[in-house]
PDB file of N, CA and C in Angstrom:
ATOM      1  N   MET A   1      14.805  17.466  -5.784  1.00  0.00           N
ATOM      2  CA  MET A   1      14.673  16.667  -5.299  1.00  0.00           C
ATOM      3  C   MET A   1      12.652  15.751  -4.097  1.00  0.00           C
ATOM      4  N   LYS A   2      12.447  16.563  -4.004  1.00  0.00           N
ATOM      5  CA  LYS A   2      11.063  16.133  -3.111  1.00  0.00           C
ATOM      6  C   LYS A   2       9.518  15.902  -4.692  1.00  0.00           C
ATOM      7  N   ASN A   3       9.986  16.147  -4.683  1.00  0.00           N
ATOM      8  CA  ASN A   3       8.939  16.784  -7.038  1.00  0.00           C
ATOM      9  C   ASN A   3       9.425  14.862  -6.734  1.00  0.00           C
ATOM     10  N   LEU A   4      10.095  14.354  -7.006  1.00  0.00           N
ATOM     11  CA  LEU A   4      10.625  13.562  -8.059  1.00  0.00           C
ATOM     12  C   LEU A   4      10.507  12.056  -6.748  1.00  0.00           C
ATOM     13  N   PHE A   5      10.798  12.382  -5.797  1.00  0.00           N
ATOM     14  CA  PHE A   5       9.741  11.194  -4.596  1.00  0.00           C
ATOM     15  C   PHE A   5       8.213  10.766  -4.280  1.00  0.00           C
ATOM     16  N   LEU A   6       8.662  12.216  -5.066  1.00  0.00           N
ATOM     17  CA  LEU A   6       6.263  12.174  -4.357  1.00  0.00           C
ATOM     18  C   LEU A   6       5.477  12.007  -5.601  1.00  0.00           C
ATOM     19  N   LYS A   7       6.407  11.815  -6.870  1.00  0.00           N
ATOM     20  CA  LYS A   7       5.952  10.859  -7.677  1.00  0.00           C
ATOM     21  C   LYS A   7       6.122   9.187  -8.320  1.00  0.00           C
ATOM     22  N   LEU A   8       7.443   9.534  -7.368  1.00  0.00           N
ATOM     23  CA  LEU A   8       8.142   7.515  -7.518  1.00  0.00           C
ATOM     24  C   LEU A   8       7.199   7.572  -6.273  1.00  0.00           C
ATOM     25  N   PHE A   9       6.641   7.732  -4.894  1.00  0.00           N
ATOM     26  CA  PHE A   9       5.684   7.141  -4.307  1.00  0.00           C
ATOM     27  C   PHE A   9       4.561   6.997  -4.181  1.00  0.00           C
ATOM     28  N   SER A  10       4.158   8.320  -5.357  1.00  0.00           N
ATOM     29  CA  SER A  10       2.431   8.348  -5.378  1.00  0.00           C
ATOM     30  C   SER A  10       0.948   6.918  -5.207  1.00  0.00           C
ATOM     31  N   PRO A  11       1.575   6.137  -5.640  1.00  0.00           N
ATOM     32  CA  PRO A  11       0.776   4.862  -5.812  1.00  0.00           C
ATOM     33  C   PRO A  11       0.670   5.136  -4.156  1.00  0.00           C
ATOM     34  N   ILE A  12       1.397   5.112  -3.423  1.00  0.00           N
ATOM     35  CA  ILE A  12       1.350   4.881  -1.635  1.00  0.00           C
ATOM     36  C   ILE A  12       0.101   5.971  -1.155  1.00  0.00           C
ATOM     37  N   LEU A  13       0.418   7.740  -1.728  1.00  0.00           N
ATOM     38  CA  LEU A  13       0.761   8.565  -1.047  1.00  0.00           C
ATOM     39  C   LEU A  13      -0.329   8.809  -1.813  1.00  0.00           C
ATOM     40  N   ASN A  14      -1.637   8.524  -2.547  1.00  0.00           N
ATOM     41  CA  ASN A  14      -2.379   9.685  -3.192  1.00  0.00           C
ATOM     42  C   ASN A  14      -3.746   8.419  -3.239  1.00  0.00           C
ATOM     43  N   PRO A  15      -3.768   7.108  -2.547  1.00  0.00           N
ATOM     44  CA  PRO A  15      -5.272   6.952  -2.297  1.00  0.00           C
ATOM     45  C   PRO A  15      -5.549   7.123  -0.833  1.00  0.00           C
ATOM     46  N   LEU A  16      -4.481   7.278  -0.895  1.00  0.00           N
ATOM     47  CA  LEU A  16      -4.083   7.977   1.061  1.00  0.00           C
ATOM     48  C   LEU A  16      -4.775   9.464   1.055  1.00  0.00           C
ATOM     49  N   GLU A  17      -5.011  10.239   0.231  1.00  0.00           N
ATOM     50  CA  GLU A  17      -4.642  11.964   0.423  1.00  0.00           C
ATOM     51  C   GLU A  17      -5.507  12.022  -0.104  1.00  0.00           C
ATOM     52  N   ASN A  18      -6.666  11.148  -1.225  1.00  0.00           N
ATOM     53  CA  ASN A  18      -7.468  11.261  -2.032  1.00  0.00           C
ATOM     54  C   ASN A  18      -8.781  10.810  -0.722  1.00  0.00           C
ATOM     55  N   ALA A  19      -8.628  10.219   0.145  1.00  0.00           N
ATOM     56  CA  ALA A  19      -9.596  10.377   0.459  1.00  0.00           C
ATOM     57  C   ALA A  19     -10.748  10.593   1.544  1.00  0.00           C
ATOM     58  N   ASP A  20     -12.456  10.070   0.931  1.00  0.00           N
ATOM     59  CA  ASP A  20     -13.497  11.339   1.674  1.00  0.00           C
ATOM     60  C   ASP A  20     -13.734  10.814   3.443  1.00  0.00           C
ATOM     61  N   GLY A  21     -13.747  12.261   3.992  1.00  0.00           N
ATOM     62  CA  GLY A  21     -14.021  12.012   5.363  1.00  0.00           C
ATOM     63  C   GLY A  21     -13.366  13.228   6.062  1.00  0.00           C
ATOM     64  N   HIS A  22     -13.312  13.314   6.796  1.00  0.00           N
ATOM     65  CA  HIS A  22     -13.621  14.603   7.948  1.00  0.00           C
ATOM     66  C   HIS A  22     -11.559  13.386   8.310  1.00  0.00           C
ATOM     67  N   TYR A  23     -10.797  13.915   9.235  1.00  0.00           N
ATOM     68  CA  TYR A  23      -9.348  13.672   9.550  1.00  0.00           C
ATOM     69  C   TYR A  23      -9.474  14.045  10.957  1.00  0.00           C
ATOM     70  N   GLU A  24      -8.676  13.618  11.197  1.00  0.00           N
ATOM     71  CA  GLU A  24      -7.991  14.692  12.502  1.00  0.00           C
ATOM     72  C   GLU A  24      -7.184  14.208  12.492  1.00  0.00           C
ATOM     73  N   TYR A  25      -5.406  15.567  12.396  1.00  0.00           N
ATOM     74  CA  TYR A  25      -4.212  15.435  12.859  1.00  0.00           C
ATOM     75  C   TYR A  25      -3.728  15.655  13.635  1.00  0.00           C
ATOM     76  N   ARG A  26      -2.928  15.336  14.605  1.00  0.00           N
ATOM     77  CA  ARG A  26      -2.469  15.355  15.556  1.00  0.00           C
ATOM     78  C   ARG A  26      -0.521  15.324  15.612  1.00  0.00           C
ATOM     79  N   PRO A  27       0.308  16.115  15.691  1.00  0.00           N
ATOM     80  CA  PRO A  27       1.375  16.094  15.021  1.00  0.00           C
ATOM     81  C   PRO A  27       2.403  14.341  15.791  1.00  0.00           C
ATOM     82  N   SER A  28       2.207  14.666  16.601  1.00  0.00           N
ATOM     83  CA  SER A  28       2.952  12.724  17.043  1.00  0.00           C
ATOM     84  C   SER A  28       2.211  11.616  16.795  1.00  0.00           C
ATOM     85  N   HIS A  29       1.775  11.825  15.692  1.00  0.00           N
ATOM     86  CA  HIS A  29       0.348  10.495  14.284  1.00  0.00           C
ATOM     87  C   HIS A  29       2.278  10.395  13.690  1.00  0.00           C
ATOM     88  N   ARG A  30       2.422  11.850  12.919  1.00  0.00           N
ATOM     89  CA  ARG A  30       3.187  11.738  11.998  1.00  0.00           C
ATOM     90  C   ARG A  30       4.872  11.183  13.112  1.00  0.00           C
ATOM     91  N   THR A  31       4.787  11.958  14.593  1.00  0.00           N
ATOM     92  CA  THR A  31       6.706  11.213  15.095  1.00  0.00           C
ATOM     93  C   THR A  31       6.328   9.396  14.957  1.00  0.00           C
ATOM     94  N   VAL A  32       5.390   8.658  15.665  1.00  0.00           N
ATOM     95  CA  VAL A  32       5.011   8.196  15.651  1.00  0.00           C
ATOM     96  C   VAL A  32       4.962   6.880  14.707  1.00  0.00           C
ATOM     97  N   LEU A  33       5.013   7.587  13.187  1.00  0.00           N
ATOM     98  CA  LEU A  33       5.065   6.448  11.393  1.00  0.00           C
ATOM     99  C   LEU A  33       6.620   6.791  11.483  1.00  0.00           C
ATOM    100  N   LYS A  34       7.369   7.502  12.976  1.00  0.00           N
ATOM    101  CA  LYS A  34       8.719   7.979  12.033  1.00  0.00           C
ATOM    102  C   LYS A  34       9.302   6.727  12.659  1.00  0.00           C
ATOM    103  N   VAL A  35       9.069   6.560  13.953  1.00  0.00           N
ATOM    104  CA  VAL A  35       9.468   5.711  14.458  1.00  0.00           C
ATOM    105  C   VAL A  35       9.135   4.904  14.210  1.00  0.00           C
ATOM    106  N   MET A  36       8.219   4.081  14.171  1.00  0.00           N
ATOM    107  CA  MET A  36       7.728   2.666  13.872  1.00  0.00           C
ATOM    108  C   MET A  36       8.101   2.371  12.443  1.00  0.00           C
ATOM    109  N   GLY A  37       8.899   3.189  11.688  1.00  0.00           N
ATOM    110  CA  GLY A  37       9.395   2.982  10.597  1.00  0.00           C
ATOM    111  C   GLY A  37      10.861   2.731  10.322  1.00  0.00           C
ATOM    112  N   PHE A  38      11.540   3.237  11.323  1.00  0.00           N
ATOM    113  CA  PHE A  38      13.208   3.297  11.565  1.00  0.00           C
ATOM    114  C   PHE A  38      13.125   1.631  12.069  1.00  0.00           C
ATOM    115  N   LEU A  39      12.256   1.598  13.352  1.00  0.00           N
ATOM    116  CA  LEU A  39      11.907  -0.079  14.306  1.00  0.00           C
ATOM    117  C   LEU A  39      12.322  -0.891  13.266  1.00  0.00           C
ATOM    118  N   PHE A  40      11.454  -0.321  11.872  1.00  0.00           N
ATOM    119  CA  PHE A  40      10.830  -1.898  11.138  1.00  0.00           C
ATOM    120  C   PHE A  40      11.345  -2.543  10.305  1.00  0.00           C
ATOM    121  N   LEU A  41      12.923  -1.524   9.475  1.00  0.00           N
ATOM    122  CA  LEU A  41      13.722  -0.852   8.790  1.00  0.00           C
ATOM    123  C   LEU A  41      15.048  -2.179   9.545  1.00  0.00           C
ATOM    124  N   ALA A  42      14.767  -1.738  10.576  1.00  0.00           N
ATOM    125  CA  ALA A  42      15.967  -2.181  11.139  1.00  0.00           C
ATOM    126  C   ALA A  42      16.451  -3.737  11.285  1.00  0.00           C
ATOM    127  N   GLY A  43      17.105  -3.881  10.554  1.00  0.00           N
ATOM    128  CA  GLY A  43      17.387  -5.832   9.865  1.00  0.00           C
ATOM    129  C   GLY A  43      17.834  -6.519  11.224  1.00  0.00           C
ATOM    130  N   VAL A  44      17.984  -6.341  12.267  1.00  0.00           N
ATOM    131  CA  VAL A  44      18.338  -6.859  13.102  1.00  0.00           C
ATOM    132  C   VAL A  44      18.070  -8.635  12.928  1.00  0.00           C
ATOM    133  N   GLY A  45      16.441  -8.374  12.610  1.00  0.00           N
ATOM    134  CA  GLY A  45      15.957  -9.958  12.828  1.00  0.00           C
ATOM    135  C   GLY A  45      16.862 -10.529  10.617  1.00  0.00           C
ATOM    136  N   GLY A  46      16.944  -9.688   9.506  1.00  0.00           N
ATOM    137  CA  GLY A  46      17.704  -9.774   8.903  1.00  0.00           C
ATOM    138  C   GLY A  46      19.113 -10.966   8.865  1.00  0.00           C
ATOM    139  N   TYR A  47      20.242  -9.889   9.481  1.00  0.00           N
ATOM    140  CA  TYR A  47      20.881 -10.480  10.566  1.00  0.00           C
ATOM    141  C   TYR A  47      20.599 -11.764  11.267  1.00  0.00           C
ATOM    142  N   PHE A  48      20.290 -11.939  11.873  1.00  0.00           N
ATOM    143  CA  PHE A  48      20.245 -13.628  12.986  1.00  0.00           C
ATOM    144  C   PHE A  48      19.454 -14.557  12.060  1.00  0.00           C
ATOM    145  N   SER A  49      18.951 -14.609  11.022  1.00  0.00           N
ATOM    146  CA  SER A  49      18.306 -15.213  10.590  1.00  0.00           C
ATOM    147  C   SER A  49      19.528 -15.753   9.157  1.00  0.00           C
ATOM    148  N   ILE A  50      20.452 -15.213   8.794  1.00  0.00           N
ATOM    149  CA  ILE A  50      22.062 -14.844   7.739  1.00  0.00           C
ATOM    150  C   ILE A  50      22.424 -16.038   8.666  1.00  0.00           C
ATOM    151  N   LEU A  51      22.259 -14.830   9.751  1.00  0.00           N
ATOM    152  CA  LEU A  51      23.588 -16.057  11.085  1.00  0.00           C
ATOM    153  C   LEU A  51      23.089 -16.371  11.230  1.00  0.00           C
ATOM    154  N   THR A  52      21.757 -17.931  11.125  1.00  0.00           N
ATOM    155  CA  THR A  52      21.708 -19.366  11.473  1.00  0.00           C
ATOM    156  C   THR A  52      21.778 -19.135  10.513  1.00  0.00           C
ATOM    157  N   ASN A  53      21.601 -19.094   8.915  1.00  0.00           N
ATOM    158  CA  ASN A  53      21.163 -19.932   7.543  1.00  0.00           C
ATOM    159  C   ASN A  53      18.890 -20.545   7.672  1.00  0.00           C
ATOM    160  N   GLN A  54      19.029 -19.440   8.495  1.00  0.00           N
ATOM    161  CA  GLN A  54      17.755 -20.134   7.896  1.00  0.00           C
ATOM    162  C   GLN A  54      16.984 -18.911   6.507  1.00  0.00           C
ATOM    163  N   ILE A  55      15.944 -19.900   5.991  1.00  0.00           N
ATOM    164  CA  ILE A  55      16.115 -19.049   4.376  1.00  0.00           C
ATOM    165  C   ILE A  55      14.381 -18.480   5.104  1.00  0.00           C
ATOM    166  N   ALA A  56      13.468 -19.071   5.757  1.00  0.00           N
ATOM    167  CA  ALA A  56      13.009 -18.780   5.926  1.00  0.00           C
ATOM    168  C   ALA A  56      12.340 -17.599   6.884  1.00  0.00           C
ATOM    169  N   GLY A  57      13.811 -17.380   7.082  1.00  0.00           N
ATOM    170  CA  GLY A  57      13.490 -15.439   8.510  1.00  0.00           C
ATOM    171  C   GLY A  57      13.803 -14.525   7.535  1.00  0.00           C
ATOM    172  N   VAL A  58      13.856 -14.820   5.793  1.00  0.00           N
ATOM    173  CA  VAL A  58      13.821 -13.916   4.957  1.00  0.00           C
ATOM    174  C   VAL A  58      12.183 -13.067   5.007  1.00  0.00           C
ATOM    175  N   PHE A  59      11.087 -13.863   4.746  1.00  0.00           N
ATOM    176  CA  PHE A  59       9.786 -12.982   4.686  1.00  0.00           C
ATOM    177  C   PHE A  59       9.187 -12.678   5.377  1.00  0.00           C
ATOM    178  N   PRO A  60       9.622 -13.092   6.586  1.00  0.00           N
ATOM    179  CA  PRO A  60       9.424 -11.713   8.133  1.00  0.00           C
ATOM    180  C   PRO A  60      10.401 -10.150   7.187  1.00  0.00           C
ATOM    181  N   VAL A  61      11.167 -10.582   6.745  1.00  0.00           N
ATOM    182  CA  VAL A  61      12.070  -9.447   7.040  1.00  0.00           C
ATOM    183  C   VAL A  61      12.103  -8.775   6.053  1.00  0.00           C
ATOM    184  N   ILE A  62      10.848  -9.654   4.110  1.00  0.00           N
ATOM    185  CA  ILE A  62      10.895  -8.583   3.596  1.00  0.00           C
ATOM    186  C   ILE A  62      10.019  -7.791   3.602  1.00  0.00           C
ATOM    187  N   LEU A  63       8.575  -8.355   4.366  1.00  0.00           N
ATOM    188  CA  LEU A  63       7.114  -8.178   5.032  1.00  0.00           C
ATOM    189  C   LEU A  63       7.457  -7.136   6.058  1.00  0.00           C
ATOM    190  N   PHE A  64       8.536  -7.000   7.009  1.00  0.00           N
ATOM    191  CA  PHE A  64       8.360  -5.834   7.832  1.00  0.00           C
ATOM    192  C   PHE A  64       9.867  -4.928   7.148  1.00  0.00           C
ATOM    193  N   SER A  65       9.745  -4.976   6.170  1.00  0.00           N
ATOM    194  CA  SER A  65      10.873  -4.499   5.308  1.00  0.00           C
ATOM    195  C   SER A  65      10.214  -2.890   5.010  1.00  0.00           C
ATOM    196  N   VAL A  66       9.096  -3.486   4.232  1.00  0.00           N
ATOM    197  CA  VAL A  66       8.537  -2.670   3.407  1.00  0.00           C
ATOM    198  C   VAL A  66       6.670  -2.021   4.174  1.00  0.00           C
ATOM    199  N   ILE A  67       6.787  -3.083   5.499  1.00  0.00           N
ATOM    200  CA  ILE A  67       5.593  -2.215   5.676  1.00  0.00           C
ATOM    201  C   ILE A  67       6.577  -0.224   6.970  1.00  0.00           C
ATOM    202  N   GLY A  68       7.677  -1.112   6.749  1.00  0.00           N
ATOM    203  CA  GLY A  68       8.591   0.205   7.725  1.00  0.00           C
ATOM    204  C   GLY A  68       9.132   1.306   6.073  1.00  0.00           C
ATOM    205  N   LEU A  69       9.261   0.788   4.868  1.00  0.00           N
ATOM    206  CA  LEU A  69       9.244   1.563   3.875  1.00  0.00           C
ATOM    207  C   LEU A  69       7.663   2.511   3.892  1.00  0.00           C
ATOM    208  N   ILE A  70       6.980   2.049   3.364  1.00  0.00           N
ATOM    209  CA  ILE A  70       5.293   2.887   3.613  1.00  0.00           C
ATOM    210  C   ILE A  70       5.633   3.719   4.492  1.00  0.00           C
ATOM    211  N   CYS A  71       5.760   3.237   6.409  1.00  0.00           N
ATOM    212  CA  CYS A  71       5.113   4.119   7.155  1.00  0.00           C
ATOM    213  C   CYS A  71       5.813   5.623   6.432  1.00  0.00           C
ATOM    214  N   LEU A  72       6.367   5.485   6.771  1.00  0.00           N
ATOM    215  CA  LEU A  72       8.942   6.326   7.353  1.00  0.00           C
ATOM    216  C   LEU A  72       7.846   7.387   5.793  1.00  0.00           C
ATOM    217  N   VAL A  73       7.538   6.614   4.063  1.00  0.00           N
ATOM    218  CA  VAL A  73       7.122   7.525   3.538  1.00  0.00           C
ATOM    219  C   VAL A  73       6.725   8.766   3.145  1.00  0.00           C
ATOM    220  N   VAL A  74       5.008   7.777   3.870  1.00  0.00           N
ATOM    221  CA  VAL A  74       4.408   8.828   4.196  1.00  0.00           C
ATOM    222  C   VAL A  74       4.497   9.488   5.668  1.00  0.00           C
ATOM    223  N   ALA A  75       5.712   9.421   6.095  1.00  0.00           N
ATOM    224  CA  ALA A  75       6.073  10.123   7.508  1.00  0.00           C
ATOM    225  C   ALA A  75       6.696  11.585   7.404  1.00  0.00           C
ATOM    226  N   PHE A  76       7.599  11.127   6.264  1.00  0.00           N
ATOM    227  CA  PHE A  76       8.435  12.380   5.502  1.00  0.00           C
ATOM    228  C   PHE A  76       7.418  12.681   4.356  1.00  0.00           C
ATOM    229  N   LEU A  77       6.564  12.360   3.572  1.00  0.00           N
ATOM    230  CA  LEU A  77       6.467  12.690   2.531  1.00  0.00           C
ATOM    231  C   LEU A  77       4.331  13.746   2.117  1.00  0.00           C
ATOM    232  N   GLY A  78       4.118  12.715   3.034  1.00  0.00           N
ATOM    233  CA  GLY A  78       2.962  13.057   3.282  1.00  0.00           C
ATOM    234  C   GLY A  78       1.772  14.206   4.019  1.00  0.00           C
ATOM    235  N   SER A  79       0.587  14.019   2.666  1.00  0.00           N
ATOM    236  CA  SER A  79       0.431  15.427   3.931  1.00  0.00           C
ATOM    237  C   SER A  79      -1.089  14.788   5.042  1.00  0.00           C
ATOM    238  N   TYR A  80      -0.876  16.748   5.722  1.00  0.00           N
ATOM    239  CA  TYR A  80      -1.643  16.201   7.340  1.00  0.00           C
ATOM    240  C   TYR A  80      -2.683  14.803   7.307  1.00  0.00           C
ATOM    241  N   LYS A  81      -3.256  14.759   5.340  1.00  0.00           N
ATOM    242  CA  LYS A  81      -4.350  14.280   5.902  1.00  0.00           C
ATOM    243  C   LYS A  81      -4.631  12.579   5.697  1.00  0.00           C
ATOM    244  N   ALA A  82      -3.201  12.439   5.051  1.00  0.00           N
ATOM    245  CA  ALA A  82      -2.233  10.683   4.388  1.00  0.00           C
ATOM    246  C   ALA A  82      -1.758  10.618   5.625  1.00  0.00           C
ATOM    247  N   VAL A  83      -1.398  10.687   6.212  1.00  0.00           N
ATOM    248  CA  VAL A  83      -1.306  10.631   7.647  1.00  0.00           C
ATOM    249  C   VAL A  83      -1.687  10.142   8.543  1.00  0.00           C
ATOM    250  N   ALA A  84      -2.742  11.254   9.053  1.00  0.00           N
ATOM    251  CA  ALA A  84      -4.176  11.297   9.874  1.00  0.00           C
ATOM    252  C   ALA A  84      -5.183  10.035   9.267  1.00  0.00           C
ATOM    253  N   LYS A  85      -5.241   9.239   7.700  1.00  0.00           N
ATOM    254  CA  LYS A  85      -6.078   8.321   7.381  1.00  0.00           C
ATOM    255  C   LYS A  85      -5.220   6.806   7.573  1.00  0.00           C
ATOM    256  N   LEU A  86      -3.651   7.197   7.158  1.00  0.00           N
ATOM    257  CA  LEU A  86      -2.562   5.813   7.791  1.00  0.00           C
ATOM    258  C   LEU A  86      -3.368   5.997   8.980  1.00  0.00           C
ATOM    259  N   TRP A  87      -3.562   6.180  10.149  1.00  0.00           N
ATOM    260  CA  TRP A  87      -4.164   5.858  11.119  1.00  0.00           C
ATOM    261  C   TRP A  87      -5.605   5.761  11.798  1.00  0.00           C
ATOM    262  N   ARG A  88      -6.549   5.601  10.920  1.00  0.00           N
ATOM    263  CA  ARG A  88      -7.767   5.697  10.926  1.00  0.00           C
ATOM    264  C   ARG A  88      -8.534   5.394  11.167  1.00  0.00           C
ATOM    265  N   ASN A  89      -8.443   7.548  11.657  1.00  0.00           N
ATOM    266  CA  ASN A  89      -9.622   7.534  12.589  1.00  0.00           C
ATOM    267  C   ASN A  89     -10.693   7.435  12.377  1.00  0.00           C
ATOM    268  N   ARG A  90     -11.379   7.330  13.192  1.00  0.00           N
ATOM    269  CA  ARG A  90     -12.858   6.814  13.672  1.00  0.00           C
ATOM    270  C   ARG A  90     -13.630   7.550  13.198  1.00  0.00           C
ATOM    271  N   ASN A  91     -13.200   8.765  13.326  1.00  0.00           N
ATOM    272  CA  ASN A  91     -14.633  10.122  13.109  1.00  0.00           C
ATOM    273  C   ASN A  91     -15.049  10.545  11.857  1.00  0.00           C
ATOM    274  N   GLU A  92     -15.321   9.655  11.731  1.00  0.00           N
ATOM    275  CA  GLU A  92     -15.971   9.054  10.002  1.00  0.00           C
ATOM    276  C   GLU A  92     -17.521   9.717  10.470  1.00  0.00           C
ATOM    277  N   ASP A  93     -17.808  10.359  11.347  1.00  0.00           N
ATOM    278  CA  ASP A  93     -18.985  11.159  10.924  1.00  0.00           C
ATOM    279  C   ASP A  93     -19.241  11.928  11.827  1.00  0.00           C
ATOM    280  N   ALA A  94     -17.988  12.878  11.595  1.00  0.00           N
ATOM    281  CA  ALA A  94     -18.215  13.971  12.008  1.00  0.00           C
ATOM    282  C   ALA A  94     -18.111  14.665  11.201  1.00  0.00           C
ATOM    283  N   PRO A  95     -18.547  16.265  11.716  1.00  0.00           N
ATOM    284  CA  PRO A  95     -19.265  17.267  10.608  1.00  0.00           C
ATOM    285  C   PRO A  95     -17.480  18.030   9.532  1.00  0.00           C
ATOM    286  N   LYS A  96     -17.698  17.692   8.094  1.00  0.00           N
ATOM    287  CA  LYS A  96     -17.162  18.257   8.304  1.00  0.00           C
ATOM    288  C   LYS A  96     -15.536  20.055   7.923  1.00  0.00           C
TER     289      LYS A  96
END
């Protein structure tokens, strides 16, 4: 099942895992990505935009849902390097 998801989300994971340069991974990075993903996917904004009949609320809901999905995919399926690169570590000058 994991292999299926890795193939399905390879357009998101491959650029992060194949990036050049040094990276620093901390387990807290993955934990924060999981929390951020669940918070962004929470449909509270969608619920209130439907409740108030405002169609303009759909765009932010879609945007935050996509961001949440990316966070969750990298947090659960990504390698250490993918998680670190999503955080955009600034240690590009450090030796490999």
